[in-house]
Each structure stands twice: as C-alpha cells, then as structure tokens.
Amino acid sequence: MGAAFLRSWPLLDAVSAAQSFVAVFIWVYTILILVLVLSSWVKLPYSFNPVLRFLHDVGDPYLGFFRRFVPPLGAFDLSPMVAVIALYALQRIVNDVILARLH
C-alpha cells in the first residue's frame, strides 16, 4: 500500500498545482473584469491610458462574447456579472469533473 501511494504522489502534486493555477487565474481575471467595469464609471487621468488599453485588450474579447447574448437593461450592462459567474462555473467544472478524475 505504501509503494502505491508513493507512485501516485507526483500525480497528486500535479493535480493540486493545476487546481491552484485555475483558482488564481480565475481570481486574477475576476479582478481584471472588476477593474475594467470600475474604470468605465470613473474618468481616469491620461497617465492611466496604457493600463486601460491593457484592460480593454484582455477583458473585452471575453466580455464581448457575453455581450452578444445578454442584452443591456437600460444603462446597465449585466454581461460582466454573467462572465464572472461563468468563470466560477468553469472553475467548478475543471476542479470537480476533470481534475477529480485524476485523484
């Protein structure tokens, strides 16, 4: 029994590393979407233009996918909320379905 556990140790370490990577990636992308939404509400100085350009370059393709399916409600754009929910659903699918099979 001990030898079988030692042989599976690298696989368990890789699975936990993959789960950590997915969790951090989802967290960072969620923060990026939040900052992108907040930056659309506030007029920022010109010195933030490179940062805003980066945020739009990284966040707009993902949000644009949801903007095609989620119509705006007046002045409210609900696509960032749906996009974040989809990110966390993807995290659950990756952790519970794909990576759980490797344990």
PDB file of N, CA and C in Angstrom:
ATOM      1  N   MET A   1       0.820  -1.190   0.000  1.00  0.00           N
ATOM      2  CA  MET A   1       0.000   0.000   0.000  1.00  0.00           C
ATOM      3  C   MET A   1       0.868   1.259   0.000  1.00  0.00           C
ATOM      4  N   GLY A   2       1.960   1.245   0.712  1.00  0.00           N
ATOM      5  CA  GLY A   2       2.824   2.408   0.781  1.00  0.00           C
ATOM      6  C   GLY A   2       3.495   2.717  -0.540  1.00  0.00           C
ATOM      7  N   ALA A   3       3.879   1.659  -1.281  1.00  0.00           N
ATOM      8  CA  ALA A   3       4.540   1.867  -2.568  1.00  0.00           C
ATOM      9  C   ALA A   3       3.578   2.461  -3.590  1.00  0.00           C
ATOM     10  N   ALA A   4       2.313   2.039  -3.565  1.00  0.00           N
ATOM     11  CA  ALA A   4       1.322   2.582  -4.495  1.00  0.00           C
ATOM     12  C   ALA A   4       1.085   4.069  -4.210  1.00  0.00           C
ATOM     13  N   PHE A   5       1.074   4.428  -2.941  1.00  0.00           N
ATOM     14  CA  PHE A   5       0.885   5.836  -2.593  1.00  0.00           C
ATOM     15  C   PHE A   5       2.066   6.666  -3.067  1.00  0.00           C
ATOM     16  N   LEU A   6       3.276   6.141  -2.910  1.00  0.00           N
ATOM     17  CA  LEU A   6       4.455   6.888  -3.333  1.00  0.00           C
ATOM     18  C   LEU A   6       4.505   7.059  -4.842  1.00  0.00           C
ATOM     19  N   ARG A   7       4.009   6.077  -5.603  1.00  0.00           N
ATOM     20  CA  ARG A   7       3.976   6.203  -7.054  1.00  0.00           C
ATOM     21  C   ARG A   7       2.948   7.239  -7.491  1.00  0.00           C
ATOM     22  N   SER A   8       1.862   7.409  -6.750  1.00  0.00           N
ATOM     23  CA  SER A   8       0.822   8.364  -7.128  1.00  0.00           C
ATOM     24  C   SER A   8       1.107   9.776  -6.606  1.00  0.00           C
ATOM     25  N   TRP A   9       2.128   9.949  -5.779  1.00  0.00           N
ATOM     26  CA  TRP A   9       2.434  11.247  -5.189  1.00  0.00           C
ATOM     27  C   TRP A   9       2.675  12.344  -6.228  1.00  0.00           C
ATOM     28  N   PRO A  10       3.475  12.130  -7.295  1.00  0.00           N
ATOM     29  CA  PRO A  10       3.653  13.203  -8.290  1.00  0.00           C
ATOM     30  C   PRO A  10       2.348  13.592  -8.979  1.00  0.00           C
ATOM     31  N   LEU A  11       1.464  12.629  -9.209  1.00  0.00           N
ATOM     32  CA  LEU A  11       0.183  12.932  -9.834  1.00  0.00           C
ATOM     33  C   LEU A  11      -0.680  13.790  -8.918  1.00  0.00           C
ATOM     34  N   LEU A  12      -0.701  13.468  -7.629  1.00  0.00           N
ATOM     35  CA  LEU A  12      -1.476  14.270  -6.682  1.00  0.00           C
ATOM     36  C   LEU A  12      -0.919  15.680  -6.575  1.00  0.00           C
ATOM     37  N   ASP A  13       0.393  15.799  -6.607  1.00  0.00           N
ATOM     38  CA  ASP A  13       1.020  17.115  -6.560  1.00  0.00           C
ATOM     39  C   ASP A  13       0.690  17.917  -7.815  1.00  0.00           C
ATOM     40  N   ALA A  14       0.671  17.274  -8.974  1.00  0.00           N
ATOM     41  CA  ALA A  14       0.332  17.963 -10.224  1.00  0.00           C
ATOM     42  C   ALA A  14      -1.129  18.395 -10.232  1.00  0.00           C
ATOM     43  N   VAL A  15      -2.017  17.563  -9.692  1.00  0.00           N
ATOM     44  CA  VAL A  15      -3.434  17.916  -9.643  1.00  0.00           C
ATOM     45  C   VAL A  15      -3.654  19.114  -8.724  1.00  0.00           C
ATOM     46  N   SER A  16      -3.022  19.121  -7.566  1.00  0.00           N
ATOM     47  CA  SER A  16      -3.195  20.262  -6.661  1.00  0.00           C
ATOM     48  C   SER A  16      -2.568  21.522  -7.247  1.00  0.00           C
ATOM     49  N   ALA A  17      -1.464  21.379  -7.972  1.00  0.00           N
ATOM     50  CA  ALA A  17      -0.869  22.547  -8.635  1.00  0.00           C
ATOM     51  C   ALA A  17      -1.787  23.069  -9.733  1.00  0.00           C
ATOM     52  N   ALA A  18      -2.422  22.183 -10.478  1.00  0.00           N
ATOM     53  CA  ALA A  18      -3.362  22.607 -11.522  1.00  0.00           C
ATOM     54  C   ALA A  18      -4.578  23.281 -10.914  1.00  0.00           C
ATOM     55  N   GLN A  19      -5.082  22.747  -9.812  1.00  0.00           N
ATOM     56  CA  GLN A  19      -6.218  23.377  -9.130  1.00  0.00           C
ATOM     57  C   GLN A  19      -5.842  24.762  -8.616  1.00  0.00           C
ATOM     58  N   SER A  20      -4.655  24.910  -8.085  1.00  0.00           N
ATOM     59  CA  SER A  20      -4.203  26.216  -7.605  1.00  0.00           C
ATOM     60  C   SER A  20      -4.057  27.198  -8.761  1.00  0.00           C
ATOM     61  N   PHE A  21      -3.516  26.724  -9.881  1.00  0.00           N
ATOM     62  CA  PHE A  21      -3.366  27.585 -11.046  1.00  0.00           C
ATOM     63  C   PHE A  21      -4.720  28.071 -11.548  1.00  0.00           C
ATOM     64  N   VAL A  22      -5.688  27.171 -11.650  1.00  0.00           N
ATOM     65  CA  VAL A  22      -7.023  27.550 -12.116  1.00  0.00           C
ATOM     66  C   VAL A  22      -7.655  28.551 -11.157  1.00  0.00           C
ATOM     67  N   ALA A  23      -7.520  28.316  -9.859  1.00  0.00           N
ATOM     68  CA  ALA A  23      -8.107  29.224  -8.875  1.00  0.00           C
ATOM     69  C   ALA A  23      -7.487  30.615  -8.958  1.00  0.00           C
ATOM     70  N   VAL A  24      -6.176  30.696  -9.085  1.00  0.00           N
ATOM     71  CA  VAL A  24      -5.506  32.004  -9.168  1.00  0.00           C
ATOM     72  C   VAL A  24      -5.849  32.697 -10.479  1.00  0.00           C
ATOM     73  N   PHE A  25      -5.893  31.946 -11.577  1.00  0.00           N
ATOM     74  CA  PHE A  25      -6.243  32.527 -12.871  1.00  0.00           C
ATOM     75  C   PHE A  25      -7.655  33.113 -12.835  1.00  0.00           C
ATOM     76  N   ILE A  26      -8.601  32.385 -12.280  1.00  0.00           N
ATOM     77  CA  ILE A  26      -9.987  32.868 -12.184  1.00  0.00           C
ATOM     78  C   ILE A  26     -10.041  34.102 -11.299  1.00  0.00           C
ATOM     79  N   TRP A  27      -9.309  34.103 -10.191  1.00  0.00           N
ATOM     80  CA  TRP A  27      -9.318  35.243  -9.275  1.00  0.00           C
ATOM     81  C   TRP A  27      -8.742  36.487  -9.957  1.00  0.00           C
ATOM     82  N   VAL A  28      -7.613  36.332 -10.646  1.00  0.00           N
ATOM     83  CA  VAL A  28      -6.982  37.474 -11.320  1.00  0.00           C
ATOM     84  C   VAL A  28      -7.887  38.009 -12.434  1.00  0.00           C
ATOM     85  N   TYR A  29      -8.491  37.123 -13.205  1.00  0.00           N
ATOM     86  CA  TYR A  29      -9.355  37.570 -14.298  1.00  0.00           C
ATOM     87  C   TYR A  29     -10.618  38.231 -13.757  1.00  0.00           C
ATOM     88  N   THR A  30     -11.126  37.765 -12.627  1.00  0.00           N
ATOM     89  CA  THR A  30     -12.274  38.410 -11.997  1.00  0.00           C
ATOM     90  C   THR A  30     -11.919  39.819 -11.536  1.00  0.00           C
ATOM     91  N   ILE A  31     -10.751  39.982 -10.929  1.00  0.00           N
ATOM     92  CA  ILE A  31     -10.296  41.312 -10.515  1.00  0.00           C
ATOM     93  C   ILE A  31     -10.121  42.209 -11.733  1.00  0.00           C
ATOM     94  N   LEU A  32      -9.574  41.655 -12.815  1.00  0.00           N
ATOM     95  CA  LEU A  32      -9.406  42.421 -14.041  1.00  0.00           C
ATOM     96  C   LEU A  32     -10.751  42.919 -14.573  1.00  0.00           C
ATOM     97  N   ILE A  33     -11.760  42.067 -14.572  1.00  0.00           N
ATOM     98  CA  ILE A  33     -13.094  42.467 -15.027  1.00  0.00           C
ATOM     99  C   ILE A  33     -13.669  43.533 -14.103  1.00  0.00           C
ATOM    100  N   LEU A  34     -13.480  43.370 -12.803  1.00  0.00           N
ATOM    101  CA  LEU A  34     -13.983  44.369 -11.850  1.00  0.00           C
ATOM    102  C   LEU A  34     -13.322  45.720 -12.070  1.00  0.00           C
ATOM    103  N   VAL A  35     -12.014  45.736 -12.273  1.00  0.00           N
ATOM    104  CA  VAL A  35     -11.308  46.995 -12.516  1.00  0.00           C
ATOM    105  C   VAL A  35     -11.754  47.604 -13.845  1.00  0.00           C
ATOM    106  N   LEU A  36     -11.988  46.780 -14.848  1.00  0.00           N
ATOM    107  CA  LEU A  36     -12.469  47.266 -16.141  1.00  0.00           C
ATOM    108  C   LEU A  36     -13.838  47.915 -16.007  1.00  0.00           C
ATOM    109  N   VAL A  37     -14.720  47.303 -15.232  1.00  0.00           N
ATOM    110  CA  VAL A  37     -16.049  47.875 -15.011  1.00  0.00           C
ATOM    111  C   VAL A  37     -15.946  49.186 -14.230  1.00  0.00           C
ATOM    112  N   LEU A  38     -15.141  49.182 -13.182  1.00  0.00           N
ATOM    113  CA  LEU A  38     -14.995  50.402 -12.382  1.00  0.00           C
ATOM    114  C   LEU A  38     -14.351  51.530 -13.182  1.00  0.00           C
ATOM    115  N   SER A  39     -13.431  51.189 -14.079  1.00  0.00           N
ATOM    116  CA  SER A  39     -12.784  52.230 -14.877  1.00  0.00           C
ATOM    117  C   SER A  39     -13.747  52.841 -15.895  1.00  0.00           C
ATOM    118  N   SER A  40     -14.802  52.122 -16.230  1.00  0.00           N
ATOM    119  CA  SER A  40     -15.780  52.701 -17.149  1.00  0.00           C
ATOM    120  C   SER A  40     -16.687  53.701 -16.439  1.00  0.00           C
ATOM    121  N   TRP A  41     -16.744  53.654 -15.121  1.00  0.00           N
ATOM    122  CA  TRP A  41     -17.574  54.575 -14.349  1.00  0.00           C
ATOM    123  C   TRP A  41     -16.846  55.853 -13.966  1.00  0.00           C
ATOM    124  N   VAL A  42     -15.503  55.792 -13.936  1.00  0.00           N
ATOM    125  CA  VAL A  42     -14.697  56.902 -13.426  1.00  0.00           C
ATOM    126  C   VAL A  42     -13.783  57.400 -14.543  1.00  0.00           C
ATOM    127  N   LYS A  43     -13.683  58.696 -14.657  1.00  0.00           N
ATOM    128  CA  LYS A  43     -12.766  59.305 -15.620  1.00  0.00           C
ATOM    129  C   LYS A  43     -11.367  59.307 -15.007  1.00  0.00           C
ATOM    130  N   LEU A  44     -10.460  58.562 -15.628  1.00  0.00           N
ATOM    131  CA  LEU A  44      -9.101  58.453 -15.113  1.00  0.00           C
ATOM    132  C   LEU A  44      -8.168  59.390 -15.867  1.00  0.00           C
ATOM    133  N   PRO A  45      -7.073  59.789 -15.230  1.00  0.00           N
ATOM    134  CA  PRO A  45      -6.112  60.675 -15.909  1.00  0.00           C
ATOM    135  C   PRO A  45      -5.473  60.001 -17.120  1.00  0.00           C
ATOM    136  N   TYR A  46      -4.896  60.821 -17.966  1.00  0.00           N
ATOM    137  CA  TYR A  46      -4.276  60.356 -19.193  1.00  0.00           C
ATOM    138  C   TYR A  46      -3.128  59.385 -18.921  1.00  0.00           C
ATOM    139  N   SER A  47      -2.486  59.514 -17.785  1.00  0.00           N
ATOM    140  CA  SER A  47      -1.340  58.652 -17.477  1.00  0.00           C
ATOM    141  C   SER A  47      -1.752  57.184 -17.310  1.00  0.00           C
ATOM    142  N   PHE A  48      -3.028  56.928 -17.108  1.00  0.00           N
ATOM    143  CA  PHE A  48      -3.519  55.556 -16.974  1.00  0.00           C
ATOM    144  C   PHE A  48      -3.894  54.928 -18.309  1.00  0.00           C
ATOM    145  N   ASN A  49      -3.675  55.628 -19.420  1.00  0.00           N
ATOM    146  CA  ASN A  49      -4.057  55.107 -20.731  1.00  0.00           C
ATOM    147  C   ASN A  49      -3.434  53.748 -21.060  1.00  0.00           C
ATOM    148  N   PRO A  50      -2.141  53.523 -20.810  1.00  0.00           N
ATOM    149  CA  PRO A  50      -1.601  52.187 -21.103  1.00  0.00           C
ATOM    150  C   PRO A  50      -2.263  51.085 -20.275  1.00  0.00           C
ATOM    151  N   VAL A  51      -2.581  51.383 -19.032  1.00  0.00           N
ATOM    152  CA  VAL A  51      -3.245  50.404 -18.177  1.00  0.00           C
ATOM    153  C   VAL A  51      -4.647  50.119 -18.697  1.00  0.00           C
ATOM    154  N   LEU A  52      -5.376  51.160 -19.049  1.00  0.00           N
ATOM    155  CA  LEU A  52      -6.728  50.980 -19.575  1.00  0.00           C
ATOM    156  C   LEU A  52      -6.709  50.229 -20.899  1.00  0.00           C
ATOM    157  N   ARG A  53      -5.730  50.524 -21.729  1.00  0.00           N
ATOM    158  CA  ARG A  53      -5.614  49.810 -23.003  1.00  0.00           C
ATOM    159  C   ARG A  53      -5.372  48.330 -22.760  1.00  0.00           C
ATOM    160  N   PHE A  54      -4.510  48.011 -21.795  1.00  0.00           N
ATOM    161  CA  PHE A  54      -4.263  46.614 -21.445  1.00  0.00           C
ATOM    162  C   PHE A  54      -5.541  45.945 -20.935  1.00  0.00           C
ATOM    163  N   LEU A  55      -6.267  46.629 -20.052  1.00  0.00           N
ATOM    164  CA  LEU A  55      -7.509  46.064 -19.517  1.00  0.00           C
ATOM    165  C   LEU A  55      -8.513  45.775 -20.627  1.00  0.00           C
ATOM    166  N   HIS A  56      -8.640  46.712 -21.555  1.00  0.00           N
ATOM    167  CA  HIS A  56      -9.572  46.506 -22.663  1.00  0.00           C
ATOM    168  C   HIS A  56      -9.097  45.397 -23.599  1.00  0.00           C
ATOM    169  N   ASP A  57      -7.802  45.328 -23.847  1.00  0.00           N
ATOM    170  CA  ASP A  57      -7.277  44.287 -24.724  1.00  0.00           C
ATOM    171  C   ASP A  57      -7.475  42.896 -24.143  1.00  0.00           C
ATOM    172  N   VAL A  58      -7.384  42.773 -22.828  1.00  0.00           N
ATOM    173  CA  VAL A  58      -7.504  41.468 -22.188  1.00  0.00           C
ATOM    174  C   VAL A  58      -8.957  41.134 -21.851  1.00  0.00           C
ATOM    175  N   GLY A  59      -9.724  42.110 -21.418  1.00  0.00           N
ATOM    176  CA  GLY A  59     -11.079  41.831 -20.943  1.00  0.00           C
ATOM    177  C   GLY A  59     -12.177  41.910 -21.980  1.00  0.00           C
ATOM    178  N   ASP A  60     -12.041  42.781 -22.967  1.00  0.00           N
ATOM    179  CA  ASP A  60     -13.121  42.979 -23.935  1.00  0.00           C
ATOM    180  C   ASP A  60     -13.441  41.759 -24.799  1.00  0.00           C
ATOM    181  N   PRO A  61     -12.465  40.966 -25.244  1.00  0.00           N
ATOM    182  CA  PRO A  61     -12.862  39.787 -26.028  1.00  0.00           C
ATOM    183  C   PRO A  61     -13.731  38.814 -25.241  1.00  0.00           C
ATOM    184  N   TYR A  62     -13.402  38.599 -23.973  1.00  0.00           N
ATOM    185  CA  TYR A  62     -14.199  37.693 -23.143  1.00  0.00           C
ATOM    186  C   TYR A  62     -15.567  38.299 -22.844  1.00  0.00           C
ATOM    187  N   LEU A  63     -15.600  39.578 -22.488  1.00  0.00           N
ATOM    188  CA  LEU A  63     -16.881  40.225 -22.201  1.00  0.00           C
ATOM    189  C   LEU A  63     -17.719  40.390 -23.461  1.00  0.00           C
ATOM    190  N   GLY A  64     -17.070  40.586 -24.597  1.00  0.00           N
ATOM    191  CA  GLY A  64     -17.799  40.726 -25.857  1.00  0.00           C
ATOM    192  C   GLY A  64     -18.593  39.485 -26.206  1.00  0.00           C
ATOM    193  N   PHE A  65     -18.058  38.317 -25.825  1.00  0.00           N
ATOM    194  CA  PHE A  65     -18.793  37.071 -26.050  1.00  0.00           C
ATOM    195  C   PHE A  65     -20.125  37.099 -25.311  1.00  0.00           C
ATOM    196  N   PHE A  66     -20.127  37.567 -24.079  1.00  0.00           N
ATOM    197  CA  PHE A  66     -21.358  37.598 -23.286  1.00  0.00           C
ATOM    198  C   PHE A  66     -22.257  38.762 -23.670  1.00  0.00           C
ATOM    199  N   ARG A  67     -21.673  39.830 -24.172  1.00  0.00           N
ATOM    200  CA  ARG A  67     -22.487  40.978 -24.604  1.00  0.00           C
ATOM    201  C   ARG A  67     -23.347  40.631 -25.810  1.00  0.00           C
ATOM    202  N   ARG A  68     -22.953  39.628 -26.589  1.00  0.00           N
ATOM    203  CA  ARG A  68     -23.779  39.202 -27.718  1.00  0.00           C
ATOM    204  C   ARG A  68     -25.042  38.507 -27.263  1.00  0.00           C
ATOM    205  N   PHE A  69     -25.000  37.865 -26.092  1.00  0.00           N
ATOM    206  CA  PHE A  69     -26.138  37.073 -25.619  1.00  0.00           C
ATOM    207  C   PHE A  69     -26.940  37.740 -24.517  1.00  0.00           C
ATOM    208  N   VAL A  70     -26.328  38.638 -23.765  1.00  0.00           N
ATOM    209  CA  VAL A  70     -27.007  39.300 -22.643  1.00  0.00           C
ATOM    210  C   VAL A  70     -27.326  40.722 -23.062  1.00  0.00           C
ATOM    211  N   PRO A  71     -28.595  41.013 -23.299  1.00  0.00           N
ATOM    212  CA  PRO A  71     -28.934  42.385 -23.706  1.00  0.00           C
ATOM    213  C   PRO A  71     -28.817  43.349 -22.521  1.00  0.00           C
ATOM    214  N   PRO A  72     -28.429  44.585 -22.774  1.00  0.00           N
ATOM    215  CA  PRO A  72     -28.351  45.560 -21.675  1.00  0.00           C
ATOM    216  C   PRO A  72     -29.746  45.932 -21.193  1.00  0.00           C
ATOM    217  N   LEU A  73     -29.856  46.180 -19.918  1.00  0.00           N
ATOM    218  CA  LEU A  73     -31.108  46.616 -19.318  1.00  0.00           C
ATOM    219  C   LEU A  73     -31.027  48.118 -19.088  1.00  0.00           C
ATOM    220  N   GLY A  74     -31.408  48.877 -20.074  1.00  0.00           N
ATOM    221  CA  GLY A  74     -31.289  50.329 -19.997  1.00  0.00           C
ATOM    222  C   GLY A  74     -29.821  50.718 -20.003  1.00  0.00           C
ATOM    223  N   ALA A  75     -29.397  51.352 -18.925  1.00  0.00           N
ATOM    224  CA  ALA A  75     -27.995  51.775 -18.816  1.00  0.00           C
ATOM    225  C   ALA A  75     -27.127  50.712 -18.154  1.00  0.00           C
ATOM    226  N   PHE A  76     -27.713  49.598 -17.755  1.00  0.00           N
ATOM    227  CA  PHE A  76     -26.967  48.564 -17.045  1.00  0.00           C
ATOM    228  C   PHE A  76     -26.524  47.459 -17.999  1.00  0.00           C
ATOM    229  N   ASP A  77     -25.238  47.119 -17.927  1.00  0.00           N
ATOM    230  CA  ASP A  77     -24.680  46.022 -18.696  1.00  0.00           C
ATOM    231  C   ASP A  77     -24.423  44.869 -17.735  1.00  0.00           C
ATOM    232  N   LEU A  78     -25.194  43.823 -17.867  1.00  0.00           N
ATOM    233  CA  LEU A  78     -25.072  42.687 -16.959  1.00  0.00           C
ATOM    234  C   LEU A  78     -24.066  41.643 -17.435  1.00  0.00           C
ATOM    235  N   SER A  79     -23.448  41.866 -18.579  1.00  0.00           N
ATOM    236  CA  SER A  79     -22.518  40.872 -19.109  1.00  0.00           C
ATOM    237  C   SER A  79     -21.297  40.639 -18.209  1.00  0.00           C
ATOM    238  N   PRO A  80     -20.734  41.632 -17.510  1.00  0.00           N
ATOM    239  CA  PRO A  80     -19.618  41.313 -16.597  1.00  0.00           C
ATOM    240  C   PRO A  80     -20.031  40.370 -15.469  1.00  0.00           C
ATOM    241  N   MET A  81     -21.250  40.534 -14.955  1.00  0.00           N
ATOM    242  CA  MET A  81     -21.712  39.651 -13.889  1.00  0.00           C
ATOM    243  C   MET A  81     -21.890  38.221 -14.415  1.00  0.00           C
ATOM    244  N   VAL A  82     -22.454  38.094 -15.603  1.00  0.00           N
ATOM    245  CA  VAL A  82     -22.628  36.776 -16.200  1.00  0.00           C
ATOM    246  C   VAL A  82     -21.266  36.168 -16.529  1.00  0.00           C
ATOM    247  N   ALA A  83     -20.319  36.987 -16.970  1.00  0.00           N
ATOM    248  CA  ALA A  83     -18.976  36.499 -17.299  1.00  0.00           C
ATOM    249  C   ALA A  83     -18.258  35.975 -16.058  1.00  0.00           C
ATOM    250  N   VAL A  84     -18.398  36.662 -14.941  1.00  0.00           N
ATOM    251  CA  VAL A  84     -17.757  36.207 -13.704  1.00  0.00           C
ATOM    252  C   VAL A  84     -18.414  34.918 -13.210  1.00  0.00           C
ATOM    253  N   ILE A  85     -19.730  34.833 -13.304  1.00  0.00           N
ATOM    254  CA  ILE A  85     -20.417  33.603 -12.914  1.00  0.00           C
ATOM    255  C   ILE A  85     -19.952  32.446 -13.798  1.00  0.00           C
ATOM    256  N   ALA A  86     -19.779  32.701 -15.083  1.00  0.00           N
ATOM    257  CA  ALA A  86     -19.294  31.663 -15.997  1.00  0.00           C
ATOM    258  C   ALA A  86     -17.867  31.241 -15.642  1.00  0.00           C
ATOM    259  N   LEU A  87     -17.035  32.185 -15.215  1.00  0.00           N
ATOM    260  CA  LEU A  87     -15.672  31.842 -14.798  1.00  0.00           C
ATOM    261  C   LEU A  87     -15.684  30.899 -13.597  1.00  0.00           C
ATOM    262  N   TYR A  88     -16.513  31.209 -12.604  1.00  0.00           N
ATOM    263  CA  TYR A  88     -16.563  30.352 -11.430  1.00  0.00           C
ATOM    264  C   TYR A  88     -17.223  29.012 -11.735  1.00  0.00           C
ATOM    265  N   ALA A  89     -18.166  28.974 -12.663  1.00  0.00           N
ATOM    266  CA  ALA A  89     -18.728  27.692 -13.099  1.00  0.00           C
ATOM    267  C   ALA A  89     -17.659  26.872 -13.814  1.00  0.00           C
ATOM    268  N   LEU A  90     -16.843  27.521 -14.618  1.00  0.00           N
ATOM    269  CA  LEU A  90     -15.749  26.831 -15.294  1.00  0.00           C
ATOM    270  C   LEU A  90     -14.752  26.280 -14.282  1.00  0.00           C
ATOM    271  N   GLN A  91     -14.480  27.039 -13.237  1.00  0.00           N
ATOM    272  CA  GLN A  91     -13.567  26.568 -12.199  1.00  0.00           C
ATOM    273  C   GLN A  91     -14.129  25.321 -11.526  1.00  0.00           C
ATOM    274  N   ARG A  92     -15.415  25.335 -11.225  1.00  0.00           N
ATOM    275  CA  ARG A  92     -16.031  24.152 -10.607  1.00  0.00           C
ATOM    276  C   ARG A  92     -15.979  22.951 -11.534  1.00  0.00           C
ATOM    277  N   ILE A  93     -16.230  23.167 -12.816  1.00  0.00           N
ATOM    278  CA  ILE A  93     -16.188  22.063 -13.779  1.00  0.00           C
ATOM    279  C   ILE A  93     -14.779  21.496 -13.876  1.00  0.00           C
ATOM    280  N   VAL A  94     -13.802  22.370 -13.968  1.00  0.00           N
ATOM    281  CA  VAL A  94     -12.413  21.891 -14.092  1.00  0.00           C
ATOM    282  C   VAL A  94     -11.996  21.141 -12.837  1.00  0.00           C
ATOM    283  N   ASN A  95     -12.303  21.691 -11.667  1.00  0.00           N
ATOM    284  CA  ASN A  95     -11.878  21.048 -10.420  1.00  0.00           C
ATOM    285  C   ASN A  95     -12.656  19.778 -10.121  1.00  0.00           C
ATOM    286  N   ASP A  96     -13.982  19.810 -10.281  1.00  0.00           N
ATOM    287  CA  ASP A  96     -14.807  18.686  -9.855  1.00  0.00           C
ATOM    288  C   ASP A  96     -14.931  17.585 -10.901  1.00  0.00           C
ATOM    289  N   VAL A  97     -14.859  17.918 -12.157  1.00  0.00           N
ATOM    290  CA  VAL A  97     -15.062  16.907 -13.193  1.00  0.00           C
ATOM    291  C   VAL A  97     -13.738  16.446 -13.785  1.00  0.00           C
ATOM    292  N   ILE A  98     -12.925  17.379 -14.230  1.00  0.00           N
ATOM    293  CA  ILE A  98     -11.711  16.996 -14.960  1.00  0.00           C
ATOM    294  C   ILE A  98     -10.600  16.574 -13.997  1.00  0.00           C
ATOM    295  N   LEU A  99     -10.280  17.435 -13.030  1.00  0.00           N
ATOM    296  CA  LEU A  99      -9.147  17.134 -12.158  1.00  0.00           C
ATOM    297  C   LEU A  99      -9.492  16.108 -11.079  1.00  0.00           C
ATOM    298  N   ALA A 100     -10.762  15.986 -10.719  1.00  0.00           N
ATOM    299  CA  ALA A 100     -11.144  14.995  -9.705  1.00  0.00           C
ATOM    300  C   ALA A 100     -10.957  13.581 -10.217  1.00  0.00           C
ATOM    301  N   ARG A 101     -11.040  13.368 -11.507  1.00  0.00           N
ATOM    302  CA  ARG A 101     -10.836  12.030 -12.078  1.00  0.00           C
ATOM    303  C   ARG A 101      -9.395  11.576 -11.947  1.00  0.00           C
ATOM    304  N   LEU A 102      -8.478  12.514 -11.798  1.00  0.00           N
ATOM    305  CA  LEU A 102      -7.073  12.152 -11.678  1.00  0.00           C
ATOM    306  C   LEU A 102      -6.667  11.769 -10.270  1.00  0.00           C
ATOM    307  N   HIS A 103      -7.511  12.054  -9.293  1.00  0.00           N
ATOM    308  CA  HIS A 103      -7.198  11.704  -7.898  1.00  0.00           C
ATOM    309  C   HIS A 103      -7.346  10.242  -7.690  1.00  0.00           C
TER     310      HIS A 103
END
